[in-house]
Amino acid sequence: MTIEIITPESILFSGETTMVRVPGTLGSFQILNNHAAIVSTLEKGIITIRKEDGSEQNFSIDSGLVECKNNIITILID
């Protein structure tokens, strides 16, 4: 899967991933390969990205939006 985490100032992360965990407004959820299309608001919490080499990277956010479609994940954050 391809992911981009974008702020108004810059792109925080862009690359390939095997799993993304996001703090959805109605609860935390994971996005895996071939996930159904989804758009969700995000609340304060941690975004966790598992890279293809198995390492994980975390991003702390206050709010945002996530869209997943055709294995392309876009996350817009403040």
Foldseek 3Di string as FASTA:
>chain_A
DWEWEDEPVGIPDTDDFAKKWFAFPVGIDMDGPPDPWDKTKGAFDKIWTQHPVRDIDIDTAHIWMWTDDNNYIYIYGD
